[in-house]
Amino acid sequence: MNFENYMVPCVFKMLFGFDCLGCGFQRALFLLFHGDFLGAFKMYPALYTTLLFFGFLIFYYFEKSKKHKKAVWNFAFINLLFVIGGYYLKHFYF
């Protein structure tokens, strides 16, 4: 089965003609599910930090006290740095 046919196209890329900061996430997640960890990193270098961030958000959402709001924002900023750095690696290094 070819999963490429079922992936959501990037509207940003269709409108402007170049990749957005999230382009490659779906394919990298697909590669990760198939066990190709290096291929997933090359497709979207910030995949692992983004998944950790989503996990942290889910933990924060179900936490009763909500006392880690600053930690969520700090982790979001760190993840943004990884996304921008990964964009640079993907387009100018790999």
N, C-alpha and C. Protein backbone atom coordinates (compact mmCIF):
# COMPACT_ATOMS: atom_id res chain seq x y z
N MET A 1 0.83 -1.17 0.00
CA MET A 1 0.00 0.00 0.00
C MET A 1 0.88 1.24 0.00
N ASN A 2 0.59 2.17 -0.85
CA ASN A 2 1.35 3.41 -0.96
C ASN A 2 0.69 4.48 -0.10
N PHE A 3 1.32 4.82 1.02
CA PHE A 3 0.76 5.81 1.93
C PHE A 3 0.94 7.24 1.44
N GLU A 4 1.76 7.45 0.44
CA GLU A 4 1.95 8.79 -0.12
C GLU A 4 0.62 9.36 -0.61
N ASN A 5 -0.27 8.50 -1.09
CA ASN A 5 -1.55 8.96 -1.61
C ASN A 5 -2.47 9.48 -0.52
N TYR A 6 -2.24 9.10 0.74
CA TYR A 6 -3.11 9.47 1.85
C TYR A 6 -2.56 10.58 2.72
N MET A 7 -1.39 11.09 2.39
CA MET A 7 -0.79 12.15 3.20
C MET A 7 -1.39 13.51 2.82
N VAL A 8 -1.49 14.37 3.82
CA VAL A 8 -2.05 15.70 3.62
C VAL A 8 -1.00 16.57 2.92
N PRO A 9 -1.36 17.21 1.81
CA PRO A 9 -0.39 18.07 1.14
C PRO A 9 -0.17 19.37 1.91
N CYS A 10 0.98 19.95 1.74
CA CYS A 10 1.32 21.20 2.41
C CYS A 10 0.71 22.37 1.62
N VAL A 11 -0.24 23.05 2.24
CA VAL A 11 -0.90 24.18 1.58
C VAL A 11 0.08 25.33 1.40
N PHE A 12 0.96 25.54 2.38
CA PHE A 12 1.95 26.60 2.29
C PHE A 12 2.85 26.41 1.07
N LYS A 13 3.28 25.17 0.87
CA LYS A 13 4.15 24.88 -0.28
C LYS A 13 3.39 25.03 -1.60
N MET A 14 2.11 24.66 -1.60
CA MET A 14 1.32 24.81 -2.81
C MET A 14 1.12 26.28 -3.16
N LEU A 15 0.95 27.14 -2.15
CA LEU A 15 0.71 28.56 -2.40
C LEU A 15 1.98 29.33 -2.72
N PHE A 16 3.05 29.06 -1.97
CA PHE A 16 4.25 29.88 -2.09
C PHE A 16 5.40 29.21 -2.82
N GLY A 17 5.36 27.90 -3.00
CA GLY A 17 6.36 27.23 -3.80
C GLY A 17 7.60 26.76 -3.06
N PHE A 18 7.67 26.94 -1.74
CA PHE A 18 8.81 26.42 -0.98
C PHE A 18 8.31 25.83 0.33
N ASP A 19 9.16 25.00 0.94
CA ASP A 19 8.77 24.26 2.14
C ASP A 19 8.53 25.17 3.33
N CYS A 20 7.56 24.78 4.15
CA CYS A 20 7.34 25.47 5.41
C CYS A 20 8.19 24.80 6.50
N LEU A 21 8.09 25.28 7.71
CA LEU A 21 8.88 24.71 8.81
C LEU A 21 8.41 23.32 9.21
N GLY A 22 7.21 22.93 8.80
CA GLY A 22 6.69 21.62 9.16
C GLY A 22 6.73 20.61 8.05
N CYS A 23 7.18 21.01 6.87
CA CYS A 23 7.21 20.07 5.73
C CYS A 23 8.16 18.91 6.03
N GLY A 24 7.67 17.73 5.79
CA GLY A 24 8.45 16.53 6.02
C GLY A 24 8.08 15.80 7.29
N PHE A 25 7.25 16.41 8.15
CA PHE A 25 6.90 15.79 9.42
C PHE A 25 6.12 14.50 9.22
N GLN A 26 5.15 14.50 8.31
CA GLN A 26 4.35 13.29 8.07
C GLN A 26 5.22 12.14 7.56
N ARG A 27 6.05 12.42 6.60
CA ARG A 27 6.90 11.38 6.03
C ARG A 27 7.91 10.88 7.07
N ALA A 28 8.44 11.80 7.87
CA ALA A 28 9.39 11.41 8.92
C ALA A 28 8.70 10.54 9.97
N LEU A 29 7.47 10.86 10.32
CA LEU A 29 6.73 10.04 11.27
C LEU A 29 6.46 8.66 10.69
N PHE A 30 6.15 8.61 9.41
CA PHE A 30 5.94 7.34 8.72
C PHE A 30 7.23 6.50 8.73
N LEU A 31 8.37 7.15 8.45
CA LEU A 31 9.66 6.45 8.50
C LEU A 31 9.98 5.97 9.91
N LEU A 32 9.64 6.77 10.90
CA LEU A 32 9.87 6.38 12.29
C LEU A 32 9.04 5.16 12.65
N PHE A 33 7.79 5.10 12.21
CA PHE A 33 6.95 3.94 12.48
C PHE A 33 7.48 2.69 11.81
N HIS A 34 8.22 2.86 10.73
CA HIS A 34 8.82 1.72 10.04
C HIS A 34 10.21 1.37 10.57
N GLY A 35 10.68 2.12 11.56
CA GLY A 35 11.95 1.80 12.20
C GLY A 35 13.16 2.43 11.56
N ASP A 36 12.98 3.31 10.60
CA ASP A 36 14.10 3.98 9.95
C ASP A 36 14.39 5.30 10.68
N PHE A 37 15.11 5.21 11.80
CA PHE A 37 15.33 6.36 12.65
C PHE A 37 16.21 7.42 11.99
N LEU A 38 17.25 7.00 11.30
CA LEU A 38 18.13 7.95 10.62
C LEU A 38 17.41 8.61 9.44
N GLY A 39 16.64 7.82 8.69
CA GLY A 39 15.87 8.38 7.58
C GLY A 39 14.84 9.38 8.07
N ALA A 40 14.23 9.10 9.23
CA ALA A 40 13.27 10.04 9.81
C ALA A 40 13.97 11.33 10.22
N PHE A 41 15.18 11.21 10.78
CA PHE A 41 15.93 12.41 11.17
C PHE A 41 16.31 13.23 9.95
N LYS A 42 16.72 12.57 8.88
CA LYS A 42 17.10 13.30 7.67
C LYS A 42 15.89 13.95 7.00
N MET A 43 14.72 13.32 7.11
CA MET A 43 13.52 13.89 6.51
C MET A 43 13.05 15.11 7.29
N TYR A 44 13.05 15.01 8.62
CA TYR A 44 12.61 16.12 9.48
C TYR A 44 13.44 16.08 10.76
N PRO A 45 14.53 16.83 10.82
CA PRO A 45 15.45 16.73 11.96
C PRO A 45 14.84 17.04 13.32
N ALA A 46 13.79 17.84 13.37
CA ALA A 46 13.18 18.20 14.65
C ALA A 46 12.07 17.24 15.07
N LEU A 47 11.99 16.08 14.44
CA LEU A 47 10.90 15.14 14.73
C LEU A 47 10.91 14.70 16.19
N TYR A 48 12.05 14.35 16.71
CA TYR A 48 12.13 13.79 18.06
C TYR A 48 11.81 14.85 19.12
N THR A 49 12.29 16.06 18.96
CA THR A 49 11.97 17.10 19.93
C THR A 49 10.50 17.51 19.83
N THR A 50 9.95 17.48 18.63
CA THR A 50 8.53 17.81 18.46
C THR A 50 7.65 16.76 19.12
N LEU A 51 8.00 15.49 18.97
CA LEU A 51 7.23 14.44 19.63
C LEU A 51 7.34 14.54 21.15
N LEU A 52 8.53 14.87 21.66
CA LEU A 52 8.68 15.08 23.10
C LEU A 52 7.84 16.26 23.56
N PHE A 53 7.82 17.32 22.78
CA PHE A 53 7.02 18.49 23.12
C PHE A 53 5.53 18.15 23.15
N PHE A 54 5.05 17.41 22.16
CA PHE A 54 3.64 16.99 22.15
C PHE A 54 3.32 16.12 23.36
N GLY A 55 4.25 15.23 23.71
CA GLY A 55 4.06 14.40 24.90
C GLY A 55 4.00 15.24 26.17
N PHE A 56 4.86 16.26 26.24
CA PHE A 56 4.85 17.16 27.39
C PHE A 56 3.55 17.94 27.44
N LEU A 57 3.03 18.36 26.29
CA LEU A 57 1.76 19.08 26.25
C LEU A 57 0.61 18.20 26.73
N ILE A 58 0.61 16.95 26.33
CA ILE A 58 -0.43 16.03 26.78
C ILE A 58 -0.34 15.83 28.29
N PHE A 59 0.88 15.67 28.79
CA PHE A 59 1.08 15.56 30.24
C PHE A 59 0.57 16.81 30.95
N TYR A 60 0.90 17.98 30.43
CA TYR A 60 0.46 19.24 31.04
C TYR A 60 -1.05 19.38 31.00
N TYR A 61 -1.68 18.94 29.91
CA TYR A 61 -3.13 19.05 29.77
C TYR A 61 -3.86 18.22 30.83
N PHE A 62 -3.35 17.02 31.13
CA PHE A 62 -4.01 16.15 32.09
C PHE A 62 -3.54 16.37 33.53
N GLU A 63 -2.56 17.22 33.73
CA GLU A 63 -2.09 17.51 35.08
C GLU A 63 -3.11 18.39 35.78
N LYS A 64 -3.34 18.11 37.04
CA LYS A 64 -4.37 18.84 37.78
C LYS A 64 -3.93 20.23 38.22
N SER A 65 -2.67 20.41 38.59
CA SER A 65 -2.25 21.67 39.20
C SER A 65 -1.94 22.77 38.19
N LYS A 66 -1.53 22.41 36.99
CA LYS A 66 -1.18 23.38 35.93
C LYS A 66 -0.08 24.36 36.38
N LYS A 67 0.85 23.88 37.18
CA LYS A 67 1.89 24.77 37.70
C LYS A 67 3.12 24.85 36.80
N HIS A 68 3.16 24.10 35.73
CA HIS A 68 4.34 24.07 34.87
C HIS A 68 4.14 24.88 33.58
N LYS A 69 3.38 25.96 33.65
CA LYS A 69 3.09 26.76 32.46
C LYS A 69 4.37 27.35 31.87
N LYS A 70 5.25 27.85 32.71
CA LYS A 70 6.50 28.43 32.22
C LYS A 70 7.37 27.37 31.55
N ALA A 71 7.37 26.15 32.10
CA ALA A 71 8.14 25.06 31.50
C ALA A 71 7.61 24.73 30.11
N VAL A 72 6.29 24.79 29.93
CA VAL A 72 5.71 24.53 28.61
C VAL A 72 6.20 25.57 27.61
N TRP A 73 6.19 26.83 27.99
CA TRP A 73 6.66 27.89 27.09
C TRP A 73 8.15 27.78 26.80
N ASN A 74 8.94 27.41 27.80
CA ASN A 74 10.37 27.21 27.59
C ASN A 74 10.62 26.05 26.64
N PHE A 75 9.90 24.95 26.82
CA PHE A 75 10.05 23.80 25.95
C PHE A 75 9.58 24.13 24.53
N ALA A 76 8.53 24.95 24.41
CA ALA A 76 8.07 25.38 23.09
C ALA A 76 9.14 26.20 22.38
N PHE A 77 9.80 27.08 23.11
CA PHE A 77 10.86 27.90 22.52
C PHE A 77 12.04 27.04 22.09
N ILE A 78 12.43 26.10 22.95
CA ILE A 78 13.53 25.20 22.60
C ILE A 78 13.18 24.37 21.37
N ASN A 79 11.94 23.89 21.31
CA ASN A 79 11.52 23.10 20.15
C ASN A 79 11.52 23.96 18.89
N LEU A 80 11.11 25.23 19.01
CA LEU A 80 11.15 26.13 17.86
C LEU A 80 12.58 26.31 17.35
N LEU A 81 13.53 26.40 18.26
CA LEU A 81 14.93 26.49 17.84
C LEU A 81 15.37 25.24 17.09
N PHE A 82 14.93 24.07 17.56
CA PHE A 82 15.25 22.83 16.87
C PHE A 82 14.58 22.77 15.50
N VAL A 83 13.34 23.26 15.40
CA VAL A 83 12.63 23.26 14.11
C VAL A 83 13.36 24.16 13.11
N ILE A 84 13.76 25.34 13.54
CA ILE A 84 14.47 26.26 12.64
C ILE A 84 15.84 25.69 12.28
N GLY A 85 16.54 25.13 13.26
CA GLY A 85 17.83 24.50 12.98
C GLY A 85 17.69 23.30 12.06
N GLY A 86 16.64 22.52 12.25
CA GLY A 86 16.38 21.38 11.38
C GLY A 86 16.05 21.80 9.97
N TYR A 87 15.32 22.90 9.84
CA TYR A 87 15.00 23.44 8.51
C TYR A 87 16.30 23.80 7.78
N TYR A 88 17.20 24.44 8.52
CA TYR A 88 18.49 24.81 7.93
C TYR A 88 19.28 23.56 7.53
N LEU A 89 19.33 22.56 8.43
CA LEU A 89 20.05 21.32 8.12
C LEU A 89 19.46 20.63 6.91
N LYS A 90 18.15 20.55 6.85
CA LYS A 90 17.47 19.83 5.79
C LYS A 90 17.71 20.47 4.41
N HIS A 91 17.72 21.79 4.37
CA HIS A 91 17.81 22.48 3.09
C HIS A 91 19.22 22.87 2.67
N PHE A 92 20.13 22.99 3.62
CA PHE A 92 21.45 23.46 3.26
C PHE A 92 22.59 22.49 3.61
N TYR A 93 22.26 21.39 4.32
CA TYR A 93 23.32 20.46 4.72
C TYR A 93 23.11 19.07 4.13
N PHE A 94 21.91 18.52 4.25
CA PHE A 94 21.65 17.15 3.77
C PHE A 94 21.47 17.13 2.28
